[in-house]
N, C-alpha and C. Protein backbone atom coordinates (compact mmCIF):
# COMPACT_ATOMS: atom_id res chain seq x y z
N MET A 1 -28.36 23.06 -0.79
CA MET A 1 -28.52 23.30 0.63
C MET A 1 -29.28 22.16 1.31
N PHE A 2 -30.34 21.67 0.65
CA PHE A 2 -31.15 20.61 1.25
C PHE A 2 -30.37 19.30 1.34
N LYS A 3 -29.48 19.07 0.36
CA LYS A 3 -28.63 17.88 0.43
C LYS A 3 -27.75 17.93 1.67
N ARG A 4 -27.19 19.11 1.96
CA ARG A 4 -26.33 19.25 3.13
C ARG A 4 -27.11 19.08 4.42
N ILE A 5 -28.34 19.55 4.44
CA ILE A 5 -29.18 19.38 5.63
C ILE A 5 -29.43 17.90 5.90
N ARG A 6 -29.70 17.13 4.84
CA ARG A 6 -29.89 15.68 5.02
C ARG A 6 -28.60 15.03 5.54
N GLN A 7 -27.47 15.50 5.03
CA GLN A 7 -26.19 14.96 5.50
C GLN A 7 -25.95 15.32 6.97
N ASP A 8 -26.34 16.52 7.38
CA ASP A 8 -26.18 16.93 8.78
C ASP A 8 -27.01 16.05 9.71
N ILE A 9 -28.23 15.75 9.30
CA ILE A 9 -29.10 14.87 10.12
C ILE A 9 -28.51 13.47 10.19
N LYS A 10 -28.03 12.97 9.07
CA LYS A 10 -27.42 11.65 9.03
C LYS A 10 -26.18 11.59 9.92
N ALA A 11 -25.40 12.68 9.95
CA ALA A 11 -24.19 12.71 10.76
C ALA A 11 -24.50 12.58 12.25
N VAL A 12 -25.58 13.22 12.69
CA VAL A 12 -25.97 13.12 14.10
C VAL A 12 -26.29 11.67 14.44
N LYS A 13 -27.07 11.01 13.61
CA LYS A 13 -27.49 9.63 13.87
C LYS A 13 -26.30 8.67 13.85
N GLU A 14 -25.31 8.97 13.02
CA GLU A 14 -24.15 8.08 12.92
C GLU A 14 -23.15 8.27 14.06
N ARG A 15 -23.00 9.51 14.56
CA ARG A 15 -21.94 9.80 15.52
C ARG A 15 -22.38 9.89 16.96
N ASP A 16 -23.69 9.96 17.19
CA ASP A 16 -24.18 10.01 18.57
C ASP A 16 -25.02 8.77 18.86
N PRO A 17 -24.51 7.84 19.67
CA PRO A 17 -25.27 6.62 19.96
C PRO A 17 -26.57 6.88 20.73
N ALA A 18 -26.70 8.10 21.31
CA ALA A 18 -27.92 8.44 22.03
C ALA A 18 -29.07 8.81 21.10
N ALA A 19 -28.76 9.09 19.83
CA ALA A 19 -29.81 9.47 18.87
C ALA A 19 -30.58 8.23 18.44
N LYS A 20 -31.88 8.21 18.73
CA LYS A 20 -32.68 7.02 18.47
C LYS A 20 -33.39 7.06 17.13
N ASN A 21 -33.86 8.24 16.72
CA ASN A 21 -34.59 8.32 15.45
C ASN A 21 -34.50 9.74 14.90
N THR A 22 -34.97 9.90 13.67
CA THR A 22 -34.86 11.19 12.98
C THR A 22 -35.68 12.27 13.68
N LEU A 23 -36.87 11.93 14.15
CA LEU A 23 -37.72 12.94 14.81
C LEU A 23 -37.05 13.48 16.06
N GLU A 24 -36.45 12.59 16.85
CA GLU A 24 -35.74 13.04 18.04
C GLU A 24 -34.59 13.98 17.68
N VAL A 25 -33.85 13.63 16.63
CA VAL A 25 -32.74 14.47 16.18
C VAL A 25 -33.24 15.85 15.77
N LEU A 26 -34.32 15.90 15.03
CA LEU A 26 -34.85 17.17 14.55
C LEU A 26 -35.35 18.05 15.69
N LEU A 27 -35.89 17.46 16.73
CA LEU A 27 -36.52 18.23 17.80
C LEU A 27 -35.60 18.53 18.97
N CYS A 28 -34.59 17.71 19.20
CA CYS A 28 -33.88 17.77 20.48
C CYS A 28 -32.37 18.01 20.38
N TYR A 29 -31.86 18.32 19.21
CA TYR A 29 -30.42 18.50 19.07
C TYR A 29 -30.09 19.95 18.70
N PRO A 30 -29.64 20.75 19.68
CA PRO A 30 -29.35 22.16 19.41
C PRO A 30 -28.22 22.35 18.39
N GLY A 31 -27.28 21.39 18.36
CA GLY A 31 -26.23 21.49 17.36
C GLY A 31 -26.78 21.45 15.95
N LEU A 32 -27.77 20.58 15.74
CA LEU A 32 -28.41 20.51 14.44
C LEU A 32 -29.22 21.78 14.16
N HIS A 33 -29.93 22.28 15.17
CA HIS A 33 -30.69 23.52 14.99
C HIS A 33 -29.77 24.67 14.58
N ALA A 34 -28.60 24.74 15.23
CA ALA A 34 -27.67 25.82 14.92
C ALA A 34 -27.16 25.73 13.48
N ILE A 35 -26.84 24.53 13.02
CA ILE A 35 -26.32 24.41 11.67
C ILE A 35 -27.42 24.63 10.63
N LEU A 36 -28.66 24.23 10.94
CA LEU A 36 -29.77 24.50 10.02
C LEU A 36 -29.98 26.00 9.87
N CYS A 37 -29.97 26.72 10.99
CA CYS A 37 -30.11 28.17 10.92
C CYS A 37 -28.94 28.79 10.16
N HIS A 38 -27.76 28.24 10.37
CA HIS A 38 -26.60 28.77 9.66
C HIS A 38 -26.72 28.56 8.15
N ARG A 39 -27.23 27.41 7.72
CA ARG A 39 -27.38 27.17 6.29
C ARG A 39 -28.26 28.25 5.66
N VAL A 40 -29.33 28.61 6.37
CA VAL A 40 -30.23 29.64 5.86
C VAL A 40 -29.55 31.01 5.88
N ALA A 41 -28.90 31.34 7.00
CA ALA A 41 -28.23 32.63 7.13
C ALA A 41 -27.12 32.78 6.09
N HIS A 42 -26.37 31.72 5.87
CA HIS A 42 -25.27 31.76 4.90
C HIS A 42 -25.80 31.95 3.47
N PHE A 43 -26.96 31.36 3.20
CA PHE A 43 -27.59 31.51 1.89
C PHE A 43 -27.84 32.98 1.59
N PHE A 44 -28.40 33.70 2.56
CA PHE A 44 -28.66 35.14 2.38
C PHE A 44 -27.36 35.95 2.40
N PHE A 45 -26.41 35.54 3.23
CA PHE A 45 -25.14 36.26 3.33
C PHE A 45 -24.40 36.26 2.00
N ARG A 46 -24.42 35.13 1.32
CA ARG A 46 -23.72 35.03 0.04
C ARG A 46 -24.38 35.88 -1.04
N ARG A 47 -25.61 36.27 -0.81
CA ARG A 47 -26.31 37.12 -1.78
C ARG A 47 -26.22 38.60 -1.44
N GLY A 48 -25.31 38.93 -0.57
CA GLY A 48 -25.01 40.33 -0.29
C GLY A 48 -25.80 40.96 0.83
N LEU A 49 -26.72 40.22 1.45
CA LEU A 49 -27.47 40.77 2.58
C LEU A 49 -26.60 40.74 3.83
N VAL A 50 -26.82 41.70 4.71
CA VAL A 50 -26.02 41.79 5.93
C VAL A 50 -26.87 41.63 7.17
N LEU A 51 -27.91 42.42 7.30
CA LEU A 51 -28.69 42.45 8.53
C LEU A 51 -29.47 41.16 8.76
N LEU A 52 -30.20 40.69 7.74
CA LEU A 52 -31.03 39.49 7.92
C LEU A 52 -30.21 38.28 8.36
N PRO A 53 -29.08 37.97 7.72
CA PRO A 53 -28.28 36.83 8.19
C PRO A 53 -27.81 36.98 9.63
N ARG A 54 -27.43 38.21 10.01
CA ARG A 54 -26.98 38.41 11.39
C ARG A 54 -28.11 38.24 12.38
N VAL A 55 -29.31 38.66 12.01
CA VAL A 55 -30.47 38.47 12.89
C VAL A 55 -30.75 36.99 13.08
N ILE A 56 -30.69 36.23 11.98
CA ILE A 56 -30.91 34.78 12.07
C ILE A 56 -29.85 34.15 12.98
N SER A 57 -28.58 34.55 12.80
CA SER A 57 -27.50 34.03 13.62
C SER A 57 -27.69 34.38 15.09
N HIS A 58 -28.13 35.61 15.34
CA HIS A 58 -28.34 36.07 16.72
C HIS A 58 -29.45 35.27 17.39
N LEU A 59 -30.55 35.07 16.69
CA LEU A 59 -31.66 34.30 17.26
C LEU A 59 -31.24 32.84 17.50
N SER A 60 -30.44 32.31 16.58
CA SER A 60 -29.95 30.94 16.74
C SER A 60 -29.08 30.82 17.99
N ARG A 61 -28.23 31.80 18.21
CA ARG A 61 -27.38 31.77 19.40
C ARG A 61 -28.22 31.84 20.67
N PHE A 62 -29.26 32.67 20.65
CA PHE A 62 -30.14 32.82 21.82
C PHE A 62 -30.82 31.49 22.16
N VAL A 63 -31.22 30.75 21.14
CA VAL A 63 -31.95 29.49 21.35
C VAL A 63 -31.03 28.33 21.66
N THR A 64 -29.89 28.24 20.96
CA THR A 64 -29.04 27.06 21.04
C THR A 64 -27.79 27.22 21.90
N GLY A 65 -27.35 28.47 22.14
CA GLY A 65 -26.10 28.69 22.83
C GLY A 65 -24.88 28.51 21.95
N ILE A 66 -25.11 28.42 20.64
CA ILE A 66 -24.03 28.22 19.67
C ILE A 66 -24.00 29.42 18.73
N GLU A 67 -22.82 30.01 18.57
CA GLU A 67 -22.69 31.20 17.72
C GLU A 67 -21.90 30.87 16.46
N ILE A 68 -22.54 30.97 15.32
CA ILE A 68 -21.88 30.75 14.04
C ILE A 68 -22.11 31.99 13.18
N HIS A 69 -21.04 32.64 12.79
CA HIS A 69 -21.19 33.81 11.93
C HIS A 69 -21.73 33.38 10.57
N PRO A 70 -22.64 34.16 9.99
CA PRO A 70 -23.22 33.78 8.68
C PRO A 70 -22.19 33.62 7.57
N GLY A 71 -21.02 34.26 7.72
CA GLY A 71 -20.01 34.17 6.68
C GLY A 71 -19.19 32.90 6.70
N ALA A 72 -19.26 32.13 7.78
CA ALA A 72 -18.47 30.90 7.88
C ALA A 72 -18.91 29.90 6.81
N ARG A 73 -17.94 29.21 6.21
CA ARG A 73 -18.24 28.21 5.19
C ARG A 73 -18.11 26.82 5.80
N ILE A 74 -19.19 26.07 5.76
CA ILE A 74 -19.24 24.77 6.44
C ILE A 74 -19.67 23.70 5.45
N GLY A 75 -18.92 22.60 5.40
CA GLY A 75 -19.19 21.52 4.47
C GLY A 75 -20.28 20.57 4.94
N GLU A 76 -20.36 19.42 4.30
CA GLU A 76 -21.41 18.44 4.58
C GLU A 76 -21.11 17.65 5.85
N ALA A 77 -22.19 17.07 6.40
CA ALA A 77 -22.10 16.15 7.54
C ALA A 77 -21.35 16.77 8.72
N PHE A 78 -21.70 18.01 9.03
CA PHE A 78 -21.10 18.73 10.15
C PHE A 78 -21.88 18.41 11.41
N PHE A 79 -21.16 18.09 12.50
CA PHE A 79 -21.83 17.66 13.73
C PHE A 79 -21.27 18.42 14.93
N ILE A 80 -22.15 19.09 15.67
CA ILE A 80 -21.79 19.75 16.92
C ILE A 80 -22.47 18.98 18.05
N ASP A 81 -21.68 18.33 18.89
CA ASP A 81 -22.22 17.51 19.97
C ASP A 81 -22.17 18.28 21.29
N HIS A 82 -23.31 18.35 21.99
CA HIS A 82 -23.39 19.11 23.25
C HIS A 82 -22.77 20.49 23.04
N GLY A 83 -23.34 21.26 22.13
CA GLY A 83 -22.67 22.41 21.56
C GLY A 83 -22.67 23.70 22.34
N MET A 84 -23.18 23.77 23.54
CA MET A 84 -23.24 25.03 24.28
C MET A 84 -21.86 25.70 24.32
N GLY A 85 -21.81 26.96 23.93
CA GLY A 85 -20.58 27.73 23.99
C GLY A 85 -19.69 27.65 22.77
N VAL A 86 -20.11 26.92 21.74
CA VAL A 86 -19.31 26.85 20.52
C VAL A 86 -19.37 28.19 19.79
N VAL A 87 -18.21 28.67 19.31
CA VAL A 87 -18.12 29.92 18.56
C VAL A 87 -17.34 29.67 17.28
N ILE A 88 -17.92 30.07 16.15
CA ILE A 88 -17.28 29.90 14.85
C ILE A 88 -17.25 31.26 14.16
N GLY A 89 -16.05 31.75 13.84
CA GLY A 89 -15.88 33.08 13.31
C GLY A 89 -16.22 33.22 11.83
N GLU A 90 -16.23 34.46 11.38
CA GLU A 90 -16.72 34.82 10.04
C GLU A 90 -15.95 34.16 8.92
N THR A 91 -14.63 34.15 8.96
CA THR A 91 -13.84 33.63 7.85
C THR A 91 -13.41 32.18 8.05
N THR A 92 -14.05 31.50 8.98
CA THR A 92 -13.77 30.09 9.20
C THR A 92 -14.21 29.26 8.00
N GLU A 93 -13.42 28.27 7.65
CA GLU A 93 -13.78 27.31 6.61
C GLU A 93 -13.70 25.91 7.20
N ILE A 94 -14.78 25.15 7.06
CA ILE A 94 -14.86 23.81 7.64
C ILE A 94 -15.20 22.82 6.53
N GLY A 95 -14.44 21.73 6.47
CA GLY A 95 -14.66 20.71 5.46
C GLY A 95 -15.81 19.78 5.81
N SER A 96 -15.80 18.61 5.22
CA SER A 96 -16.86 17.62 5.43
C SER A 96 -16.52 16.67 6.59
N ASN A 97 -17.58 16.15 7.22
CA ASN A 97 -17.44 15.14 8.29
C ASN A 97 -16.61 15.66 9.47
N VAL A 98 -16.80 16.91 9.82
CA VAL A 98 -16.10 17.51 10.96
C VAL A 98 -16.99 17.46 12.19
N THR A 99 -16.38 17.18 13.35
CA THR A 99 -17.11 17.11 14.61
C THR A 99 -16.52 18.09 15.62
N LEU A 100 -17.38 18.91 16.22
CA LEU A 100 -16.97 19.82 17.29
C LEU A 100 -17.73 19.45 18.56
N TYR A 101 -17.05 19.57 19.69
CA TYR A 101 -17.71 19.32 20.97
C TYR A 101 -17.93 20.64 21.73
N GLN A 102 -18.56 20.52 22.88
CA GLN A 102 -18.99 21.69 23.65
C GLN A 102 -17.82 22.63 23.96
N GLY A 103 -18.08 23.94 23.80
CA GLY A 103 -17.11 24.95 24.19
C GLY A 103 -15.99 25.21 23.22
N VAL A 104 -16.04 24.66 22.03
CA VAL A 104 -14.98 24.87 21.05
C VAL A 104 -15.06 26.29 20.47
N THR A 105 -13.91 26.91 20.27
CA THR A 105 -13.83 28.21 19.60
C THR A 105 -12.95 28.10 18.37
N LEU A 106 -13.50 28.47 17.23
CA LEU A 106 -12.72 28.64 16.01
C LEU A 106 -12.67 30.14 15.77
N GLY A 107 -11.68 30.79 16.35
CA GLY A 107 -11.68 32.25 16.42
C GLY A 107 -10.46 32.90 15.80
N GLY A 108 -10.42 34.22 15.93
CA GLY A 108 -9.32 35.01 15.38
C GLY A 108 -8.41 35.52 16.48
N THR A 109 -7.29 36.11 16.07
CA THR A 109 -6.33 36.66 17.03
C THR A 109 -6.10 38.16 16.83
N GLY A 110 -6.81 38.78 15.91
CA GLY A 110 -6.61 40.20 15.66
C GLY A 110 -7.81 40.81 14.98
N LYS A 111 -7.62 42.02 14.46
CA LYS A 111 -8.71 42.76 13.83
C LYS A 111 -8.53 42.87 12.32
N GLU A 112 -7.80 41.93 11.74
CA GLU A 112 -7.61 41.96 10.29
C GLU A 112 -8.95 41.81 9.58
N SER A 113 -9.07 42.46 8.43
CA SER A 113 -10.31 42.39 7.68
C SER A 113 -10.33 41.21 6.71
N ALA A 114 -9.17 40.60 6.46
CA ALA A 114 -9.09 39.48 5.54
C ALA A 114 -9.26 38.17 6.33
N LYS A 115 -8.70 37.11 5.81
CA LYS A 115 -8.79 35.80 6.47
C LYS A 115 -8.14 35.86 7.85
N ARG A 116 -8.90 35.59 8.90
CA ARG A 116 -8.39 35.69 10.26
C ARG A 116 -8.85 34.54 11.16
N HIS A 117 -9.55 33.58 10.57
CA HIS A 117 -10.05 32.43 11.33
C HIS A 117 -9.52 31.13 10.72
N PRO A 118 -9.63 30.03 11.44
CA PRO A 118 -9.03 28.77 10.97
C PRO A 118 -9.72 28.17 9.75
N THR A 119 -8.96 27.31 9.08
CA THR A 119 -9.49 26.41 8.05
C THR A 119 -9.37 24.99 8.59
N VAL A 120 -10.49 24.30 8.70
CA VAL A 120 -10.52 22.95 9.25
C VAL A 120 -10.88 21.99 8.12
N ARG A 121 -9.97 21.09 7.80
CA ARG A 121 -10.18 20.18 6.68
C ARG A 121 -11.08 19.00 7.07
N ASP A 122 -11.28 18.08 6.14
CA ASP A 122 -12.23 16.98 6.30
C ASP A 122 -11.84 16.04 7.45
N ASN A 123 -12.89 15.47 8.08
CA ASN A 123 -12.74 14.39 9.06
C ASN A 123 -11.96 14.79 10.32
N VAL A 124 -12.04 16.05 10.69
CA VAL A 124 -11.35 16.53 11.89
C VAL A 124 -12.30 16.46 13.08
N VAL A 125 -11.75 16.13 14.26
CA VAL A 125 -12.50 16.15 15.51
C VAL A 125 -11.83 17.13 16.46
N VAL A 126 -12.61 18.07 17.00
CA VAL A 126 -12.08 19.08 17.93
C VAL A 126 -12.74 18.86 19.29
N GLY A 127 -11.94 18.54 20.30
CA GLY A 127 -12.45 18.15 21.61
C GLY A 127 -13.01 19.30 22.43
N THR A 128 -13.68 18.94 23.50
CA THR A 128 -14.36 19.88 24.38
C THR A 128 -13.45 21.01 24.86
N GLY A 129 -13.90 22.24 24.68
CA GLY A 129 -13.19 23.40 25.20
C GLY A 129 -11.95 23.81 24.45
N ALA A 130 -11.65 23.15 23.34
CA ALA A 130 -10.44 23.51 22.58
C ALA A 130 -10.60 24.85 21.89
N LYS A 131 -9.51 25.57 21.75
CA LYS A 131 -9.49 26.87 21.08
C LYS A 131 -8.51 26.80 19.90
N VAL A 132 -9.03 27.02 18.72
CA VAL A 132 -8.22 27.03 17.51
C VAL A 132 -8.27 28.46 16.97
N LEU A 133 -7.15 29.16 17.01
CA LEU A 133 -7.17 30.61 16.80
C LEU A 133 -6.24 31.04 15.67
N GLY A 134 -6.74 31.97 14.87
CA GLY A 134 -5.94 32.55 13.82
C GLY A 134 -6.15 31.89 12.47
N PRO A 135 -5.55 32.46 11.42
CA PRO A 135 -5.72 31.95 10.05
C PRO A 135 -4.83 30.73 9.80
N ILE A 136 -4.99 29.70 10.61
CA ILE A 136 -4.18 28.49 10.50
C ILE A 136 -5.00 27.38 9.85
N GLU A 137 -4.35 26.28 9.55
CA GLU A 137 -5.04 25.16 8.90
C GLU A 137 -4.88 23.90 9.73
N ILE A 138 -6.00 23.21 9.93
CA ILE A 138 -5.99 21.91 10.60
C ILE A 138 -6.18 20.86 9.52
N GLY A 139 -5.17 20.03 9.31
CA GLY A 139 -5.17 19.08 8.21
C GLY A 139 -6.19 17.96 8.37
N LYS A 140 -6.43 17.25 7.29
CA LYS A 140 -7.42 16.17 7.26
C LYS A 140 -7.11 15.09 8.30
N ASN A 141 -8.20 14.54 8.88
CA ASN A 141 -8.13 13.39 9.79
C ASN A 141 -7.39 13.70 11.09
N SER A 142 -7.23 14.97 11.43
CA SER A 142 -6.52 15.32 12.65
C SER A 142 -7.47 15.38 13.84
N ARG A 143 -6.89 15.32 15.04
CA ARG A 143 -7.64 15.36 16.28
C ARG A 143 -7.05 16.43 17.18
N ILE A 144 -7.93 17.28 17.74
CA ILE A 144 -7.51 18.32 18.68
C ILE A 144 -8.04 17.93 20.05
N GLY A 145 -7.15 17.75 21.01
CA GLY A 145 -7.55 17.29 22.34
C GLY A 145 -8.34 18.32 23.11
N ALA A 146 -9.14 17.84 24.05
CA ALA A 146 -9.97 18.71 24.89
C ALA A 146 -9.11 19.72 25.63
N GLY A 147 -9.54 20.99 25.61
CA GLY A 147 -8.85 22.04 26.34
C GLY A 147 -7.60 22.57 25.69
N SER A 148 -7.25 22.07 24.52
CA SER A 148 -6.03 22.53 23.85
C SER A 148 -6.21 23.93 23.28
N VAL A 149 -5.10 24.65 23.14
CA VAL A 149 -5.09 25.95 22.48
C VAL A 149 -4.13 25.85 21.30
N VAL A 150 -4.67 25.87 20.10
CA VAL A 150 -3.88 25.66 18.89
C VAL A 150 -3.67 26.99 18.19
N LEU A 151 -2.41 27.38 18.03
CA LEU A 151 -2.05 28.66 17.43
C LEU A 151 -1.25 28.51 16.14
N LYS A 152 -0.86 27.26 15.82
CA LYS A 152 -0.09 27.00 14.61
C LYS A 152 -0.79 25.91 13.79
N SER A 153 -0.53 25.92 12.50
CA SER A 153 -1.15 24.95 11.60
C SER A 153 -0.76 23.53 12.01
N VAL A 154 -1.68 22.59 11.74
CA VAL A 154 -1.50 21.19 12.09
C VAL A 154 -1.55 20.36 10.81
N PRO A 155 -0.60 19.46 10.60
CA PRO A 155 -0.64 18.64 9.38
C PRO A 155 -1.74 17.60 9.45
N SER A 156 -1.99 16.94 8.35
CA SER A 156 -2.99 15.88 8.30
C SER A 156 -2.55 14.70 9.18
N ASN A 157 -3.55 13.95 9.68
CA ASN A 157 -3.30 12.72 10.44
C ASN A 157 -2.48 12.95 11.71
N ALA A 158 -2.74 14.08 12.37
CA ALA A 158 -2.01 14.40 13.60
C ALA A 158 -2.97 14.52 14.77
N THR A 159 -2.43 14.30 15.97
CA THR A 159 -3.18 14.52 17.22
C THR A 159 -2.45 15.58 18.02
N VAL A 160 -3.20 16.61 18.45
CA VAL A 160 -2.61 17.76 19.14
C VAL A 160 -3.23 17.89 20.52
N VAL A 161 -2.39 18.12 21.53
CA VAL A 161 -2.87 18.37 22.89
C VAL A 161 -2.04 19.47 23.51
N GLY A 162 -2.58 20.08 24.58
CA GLY A 162 -1.79 21.00 25.39
C GLY A 162 -2.01 22.46 25.11
N ILE A 163 -1.36 23.30 25.94
CA ILE A 163 -1.39 24.76 25.82
C ILE A 163 0.05 25.26 25.86
N PRO A 164 0.59 25.77 24.78
CA PRO A 164 -0.02 25.75 23.44
C PRO A 164 -0.02 24.33 22.88
N GLY A 165 -0.84 24.11 21.86
CA GLY A 165 -1.00 22.77 21.31
C GLY A 165 0.29 22.23 20.70
N ARG A 166 0.59 20.96 21.02
CA ARG A 166 1.75 20.28 20.45
C ARG A 166 1.31 18.95 19.85
N ILE A 167 1.96 18.55 18.78
CA ILE A 167 1.64 17.29 18.12
C ILE A 167 2.22 16.15 18.95
N VAL A 168 1.36 15.19 19.36
CA VAL A 168 1.82 14.03 20.13
C VAL A 168 1.74 12.74 19.32
N TYR A 169 0.89 12.71 18.30
CA TYR A 169 0.84 11.58 17.38
C TYR A 169 0.79 12.11 15.95
N TYR A 170 1.52 11.44 15.07
CA TYR A 170 1.53 11.83 13.66
C TYR A 170 1.58 10.57 12.80
N ASN A 171 0.59 10.43 11.93
CA ASN A 171 0.47 9.22 11.10
C ASN A 171 0.48 7.95 11.93
N GLY A 172 -0.19 8.01 13.08
CA GLY A 172 -0.34 6.84 13.93
C GLY A 172 0.83 6.53 14.83
N GLU A 173 1.90 7.33 14.78
CA GLU A 173 3.08 7.08 15.60
C GLU A 173 3.28 8.20 16.61
N LYS A 174 3.72 7.81 17.81
CA LYS A 174 3.93 8.79 18.86
C LYS A 174 5.12 9.67 18.54
N VAL A 175 4.95 10.98 18.75
CA VAL A 175 6.02 11.94 18.50
C VAL A 175 6.79 12.16 19.79
N PRO A 176 8.14 12.01 19.79
CA PRO A 176 8.93 12.26 21.01
C PRO A 176 8.68 13.68 21.52
N SER A 177 8.41 13.80 22.81
CA SER A 177 8.13 15.11 23.39
C SER A 177 8.38 15.07 24.88
N ILE A 178 8.12 16.17 25.55
CA ILE A 178 8.26 16.23 27.00
C ILE A 178 7.25 15.29 27.64
N ASN A 179 7.68 14.57 28.68
CA ASN A 179 6.79 13.67 29.40
C ASN A 179 5.77 14.48 30.19
N LEU A 180 4.50 14.33 29.84
CA LEU A 180 3.44 15.09 30.50
C LEU A 180 2.69 14.29 31.55
N ASN A 181 3.23 13.14 31.95
CA ASN A 181 2.61 12.33 32.98
C ASN A 181 2.76 13.05 34.32
N HIS A 182 1.66 13.47 34.92
CA HIS A 182 1.72 14.30 36.12
C HIS A 182 2.39 13.58 37.28
N THR A 183 2.32 12.24 37.35
CA THR A 183 2.94 11.52 38.46
C THR A 183 4.45 11.56 38.39
N ASP A 184 5.00 11.87 37.21
CA ASP A 184 6.45 11.91 37.04
C ASP A 184 7.01 13.33 37.00
N MET A 185 6.16 14.32 37.15
CA MET A 185 6.64 15.69 37.05
C MET A 185 7.34 16.11 38.34
N PRO A 186 8.39 16.94 38.27
CA PRO A 186 9.14 17.35 39.46
C PRO A 186 8.34 18.26 40.36
N ASP A 187 8.79 18.32 41.64
CA ASP A 187 8.17 19.20 42.63
C ASP A 187 8.96 20.50 42.68
N PRO A 188 8.43 21.60 42.15
CA PRO A 188 9.21 22.85 42.11
C PRO A 188 9.52 23.41 43.48
N VAL A 189 8.65 23.18 44.47
CA VAL A 189 8.91 23.68 45.82
C VAL A 189 10.09 22.95 46.44
N ALA A 190 10.10 21.63 46.32
CA ALA A 190 11.22 20.85 46.85
C ALA A 190 12.54 21.22 46.18
N GLU A 191 12.49 21.43 44.86
CA GLU A 191 13.70 21.82 44.14
C GLU A 191 14.22 23.17 44.62
N ALA A 192 13.30 24.12 44.85
CA ALA A 192 13.71 25.44 45.32
C ALA A 192 14.34 25.37 46.71
N LEU A 193 13.77 24.54 47.60
CA LEU A 193 14.31 24.38 48.95
C LEU A 193 15.69 23.72 48.91
N ASN A 194 15.85 22.72 48.03
CA ASN A 194 17.15 22.07 47.90
C ASN A 194 18.22 23.06 47.45
N ASN A 195 17.88 23.88 46.45
CA ASN A 195 18.85 24.87 45.96
C ASN A 195 19.19 25.89 47.03
N LEU A 196 18.19 26.30 47.81
CA LEU A 196 18.43 27.27 48.88
C LEU A 196 19.34 26.69 49.96
N GLN A 197 19.12 25.41 50.31
CA GLN A 197 19.97 24.78 51.32
C GLN A 197 21.41 24.66 50.85
N LYS A 198 21.59 24.35 49.57
CA LYS A 198 22.94 24.26 49.02
C LYS A 198 23.66 25.60 49.13
N GLN A 199 22.94 26.69 48.84
CA GLN A 199 23.55 28.01 48.91
C GLN A 199 23.92 28.36 50.35
N ILE A 200 23.06 28.00 51.29
CA ILE A 200 23.35 28.26 52.71
C ILE A 200 24.59 27.50 53.14
N ASP A 201 24.69 26.21 52.75
CA ASP A 201 25.86 25.41 53.12
C ASP A 201 27.15 25.99 52.53
N GLN A 202 27.06 26.46 51.29
CA GLN A 202 28.24 27.06 50.66
C GLN A 202 28.69 28.31 51.40
N LEU A 203 27.73 29.14 51.82
CA LEU A 203 28.07 30.37 52.56
C LEU A 203 28.68 30.04 53.92
N ARG A 204 28.19 28.99 54.59
CA ARG A 204 28.76 28.58 55.88
C ARG A 204 30.20 28.09 55.71
N CYS A 205 30.42 27.35 54.63
CA CYS A 205 31.77 26.86 54.37
C CYS A 205 32.73 28.01 54.11
N GLN A 206 32.28 28.98 53.34
CA GLN A 206 33.13 30.13 53.05
C GLN A 206 33.47 30.89 54.34
N GLU A 207 32.47 31.01 55.23
CA GLU A 207 32.70 31.70 56.50
C GLU A 207 33.72 30.95 57.35
N MET A 208 33.62 29.60 57.42
CA MET A 208 34.56 28.81 58.21
C MET A 208 35.96 28.88 57.62
N ASP A 209 36.06 28.91 56.29
CA ASP A 209 37.37 29.01 55.65
C ASP A 209 38.05 30.32 56.02
N LEU A 210 37.27 31.40 56.05
CA LEU A 210 37.84 32.69 56.40
C LEU A 210 38.32 32.71 57.85
N LYS A 211 37.60 32.02 58.77
CA LYS A 211 37.96 32.03 60.18
C LYS A 211 39.12 31.09 60.48
N ASN A 212 39.11 29.90 59.91
CA ASN A 212 40.06 28.86 60.29
C ASN A 212 41.13 28.59 59.24
N GLY A 213 40.93 29.14 58.05
CA GLY A 213 41.92 28.90 57.01
C GLY A 213 41.93 27.48 56.51
N GLY A 214 40.85 26.73 56.79
CA GLY A 214 40.79 25.33 56.39
C GLY A 214 39.85 25.14 55.22
N MET A 215 39.66 23.87 54.90
CA MET A 215 38.75 23.49 53.80
C MET A 215 37.47 22.98 54.41
N CYS A 216 36.36 23.37 53.80
CA CYS A 216 35.05 22.94 54.29
C CYS A 216 34.24 22.38 53.12
N LYS A 217 33.65 21.24 53.36
CA LYS A 217 32.82 20.64 52.34
C LYS A 217 31.45 20.36 52.92
N SER A 218 30.42 20.81 52.26
CA SER A 218 29.07 20.62 52.77
C SER A 218 28.70 19.16 52.72
N GLY A 219 28.13 18.69 53.81
CA GLY A 219 27.68 17.30 53.83
C GLY A 219 26.23 17.15 53.46
N ARG A 220 25.57 18.26 53.15
CA ARG A 220 24.14 18.19 52.82
C ARG A 220 23.95 18.67 51.40
N ASP A 221 23.56 17.75 50.55
CA ASP A 221 23.29 18.11 49.17
C ASP A 221 21.80 18.36 48.91
N ASN A 222 20.98 17.83 49.79
CA ASN A 222 19.52 18.04 49.64
C ASN A 222 18.86 17.81 50.97
N ILE A 223 17.57 18.12 50.98
CA ILE A 223 16.78 17.94 52.19
C ILE A 223 15.68 16.96 51.91
């Protein structure tokens, strides 16, 4: 346990350029405080205790704003940066060198009593506000974009963004997908008005054909 604590402190100093020294990290990083409390709570949880680990977890959440269930299994060099609102469920498994940012949820999607939370492999980064839900697996070296909602397993070396989460990079190469550039997205209001005008023109033509027995072709295809 103490080896992992040293690794957690080292991870903060390596991944946060704002960390100046060990004393500052120990006193001023709530993400570190939350993981230290979790190491203690998990120690008691594995020995069959129930109430004491939950009390430790509850107090940690009150102080840090980060909720980690005592049953979650977390590897070495775990780093929570600006961790307010982070939630990690009971059956979550986290590998080594994993980084979570503010507002991340590693949660469940039902009331199953067995495995119901994600497994996050080594060297994964989960961006601000991302939600990873269910008994899925996030492969090694993957990246989850800020605000994404991931409901399916992700292979190693992938980058996922969106709601629901979709793979946009895999093994360093861009994956063909829908163009999400907002400047190129269509205007649904304009499209609806164009379709409505076409229908009106068609009805006018039909009416003229009935009256005059002639052919009518709409000259307006859009507005």
